[in-house]
């Protein structure tokens, strides 16, 4: 379960999509460490893949709805 922390933060429906063999619908973590950096600063943790300004992953969340995950240095 610990190994899925970032994957589940990125796409909370990951286990359901995986169980239903909907691999192409899973929004994958890009390992950018956006969440880790926010956590280390004691800030609210969210994912850079969520739509801008979102406080939670949208429902339904598909790769087409996800941001690229490329973060500018000034946004960190």
C-alpha atoms as a PDB file:
ATOM      1  CA  UNK A   1       0.000   0.000   0.000  1.00  0.00           C
ATOM      2  CA  UNK A   2       2.847   2.399   0.761  1.00  0.00           C
ATOM      3  CA  UNK A   3       4.161   1.963  -2.781  1.00  0.00           C
ATOM      4  CA  UNK A   4       0.851   3.256  -4.144  1.00  0.00           C
ATOM      5  CA  UNK A   5       0.743   6.525  -2.198  1.00  0.00           C
ATOM      6  CA  UNK A   6       1.613   8.855  -5.074  1.00  0.00           C
ATOM      7  CA  UNK A   7      -0.329   6.777  -7.604  1.00  0.00           C
ATOM      8  CA  UNK A   8      -3.456   6.944  -5.412  1.00  0.00           C
ATOM      9  CA  UNK A   9      -3.023  10.659  -4.798  1.00  0.00           C
ATOM     10  CA  UNK A  10      -2.768  11.230  -8.539  1.00  0.00           C
ATOM     11  CA  UNK A  11      -5.754   9.022  -9.404  1.00  0.00           C
ATOM     12  CA  UNK A  12      -7.873   7.925  -6.427  1.00  0.00           C
ATOM     13  CA  UNK A  13      -9.780   5.523  -8.695  1.00  0.00           C
ATOM     14  CA  UNK A  14      -6.581   3.647  -9.628  1.00  0.00           C
ATOM     15  CA  UNK A  15      -7.555   0.380  -7.841  1.00  0.00           C
ATOM     16  CA  UNK A  16     -11.043   0.317  -9.384  1.00  0.00           C
ATOM     17  CA  UNK A  17      -9.726   1.032 -12.878  1.00  0.00           C
ATOM     18  CA  UNK A  18      -6.992  -1.617 -12.486  1.00  0.00           C
ATOM     19  CA  UNK A  19      -9.464  -4.228 -11.206  1.00  0.00           C
ATOM     20  CA  UNK A  20     -11.792  -3.547 -14.148  1.00  0.00           C
ATOM     21  CA  UNK A  21      -8.869  -3.783 -16.632  1.00  0.00           C
ATOM     22  CA  UNK A  22      -9.260  -0.118 -17.607  1.00  0.00           C
ATOM     23  CA  UNK A  23      -5.512   0.506 -17.700  1.00  0.00           C
ATOM     24  CA  UNK A  24      -5.793   3.197 -20.376  1.00  0.00           C
ATOM     25  CA  UNK A  25      -8.079   5.245 -18.107  1.00  0.00           C
ATOM     26  CA  UNK A  26      -5.567   5.382 -15.223  1.00  0.00           C
ATOM     27  CA  UNK A  27      -3.958   8.787 -14.757  1.00  0.00           C
ATOM     28  CA  UNK A  28      -0.360   7.897 -14.027  1.00  0.00           C
ATOM     29  CA  UNK A  29       1.926   9.647 -11.557  1.00  0.00           C
ATOM     30  CA  UNK A  30       4.846  11.309 -13.319  1.00  0.00           C
ATOM     31  CA  UNK A  31       7.038  11.232 -10.169  1.00  0.00           C
ATOM     32  CA  UNK A  32       7.580  14.996 -10.251  1.00  0.00           C
ATOM     33  CA  UNK A  33       7.653  15.180  -6.412  1.00  0.00           C
ATOM     34  CA  UNK A  34       5.148  18.065  -6.357  1.00  0.00           C
ATOM     35  CA  UNK A  35       3.257  16.282  -3.558  1.00  0.00           C
ATOM     36  CA  UNK A  36       6.407  15.406  -1.621  1.00  0.00           C
ATOM     37  CA  UNK A  37       7.665  18.988  -1.712  1.00  0.00           C
ATOM     38  CA  UNK A  38       4.314  20.372  -0.524  1.00  0.00           C
ATOM     39  CA  UNK A  39       4.222  17.812   2.294  1.00  0.00           C
ATOM     40  CA  UNK A  40       7.761  18.687   3.400  1.00  0.00           C
ATOM     41  CA  UNK A  41       6.686  22.365   3.646  1.00  0.00           C
ATOM     42  CA  UNK A  42       3.574  21.366   5.690  1.00  0.00           C
ATOM     43  CA  UNK A  43       1.325  22.673   2.919  1.00  0.00           C
ATOM     44  CA  UNK A  44      -1.896  21.149   1.616  1.00  0.00           C
ATOM     45  CA  UNK A  45      -0.890  18.242  -0.612  1.00  0.00           C
ATOM     46  CA  UNK A  46      -2.393  17.888  -4.059  1.00  0.00           C
ATOM     47  CA  UNK A  47      -1.243  16.552  -7.404  1.00  0.00           C
ATOM     48  CA  UNK A  48       0.201  18.537 -10.301  1.00  0.00           C
ATOM     49  CA  UNK A  49      -1.794  16.337 -12.714  1.00  0.00           C
ATOM     50  CA  UNK A  50      -5.147  17.573 -11.384  1.00  0.00           C
ATOM     51  CA  UNK A  51      -6.748  20.452 -13.293  1.00  0.00           C
ATOM     52  CA  UNK A  52      -5.347  23.803 -12.187  1.00  0.00           C
ATOM     53  CA  UNK A  53      -6.988  25.080  -9.011  1.00  0.00           C
ATOM     54  CA  UNK A  54      -8.553  21.719  -8.104  1.00  0.00           C
ATOM     55  CA  UNK A  55      -8.415  20.603  -4.501  1.00  0.00           C
ATOM     56  CA  UNK A  56      -9.227  16.997  -5.449  1.00  0.00           C
ATOM     57  CA  UNK A  57      -9.076  14.788  -8.491  1.00  0.00           C
ATOM     58  CA  UNK A  58     -12.109  15.376 -10.722  1.00  0.00           C
ATOM     59  CA  UNK A  59     -14.747  12.707 -11.172  1.00  0.00           C
ATOM     60  CA  UNK A  60     -14.345  10.998 -13.561  1.00  0.00           C
ATOM     61  CA  UNK A  61     -10.609  11.561 -13.974  1.00  0.00           C
ATOM     62  CA  UNK A  62      -9.138  10.425 -17.267  1.00  0.00           C
ATOM     63  CA  UNK A  63      -5.752  10.981 -18.906  1.00  0.00           C
ATOM     64  CA  UNK A  64      -7.389  13.523 -21.256  1.00  0.00           C
ATOM     65  CA  UNK A  65      -8.418  15.633 -18.243  1.00  0.00           C
ATOM     66  CA  UNK A  66      -4.977  15.449 -16.608  1.00  0.00           C
ATOM     67  CA  UNK A  67      -2.379  18.167 -16.850  1.00  0.00           C
ATOM     68  CA  UNK A  68       0.970  17.184 -18.341  1.00  0.00           C
ATOM     69  CA  UNK A  69       2.808  17.165 -15.036  1.00  0.00           C
ATOM     70  CA  UNK A  70       5.569  19.420 -16.326  1.00  0.00           C
ATOM     71  CA  UNK A  71       6.193  21.999 -13.632  1.00  0.00           C
ATOM     72  CA  UNK A  72       7.953  25.312 -14.014  1.00  0.00           C
ATOM     73  CA  UNK A  73      10.596  26.084 -11.402  1.00  0.00           C
ATOM     74  CA  UNK A  74       8.697  29.187 -10.234  1.00  0.00           C
ATOM     75  CA  UNK A  75       5.626  27.007  -9.481  1.00  0.00           C
ATOM     76  CA  UNK A  76       7.511  24.787  -7.037  1.00  0.00           C
END
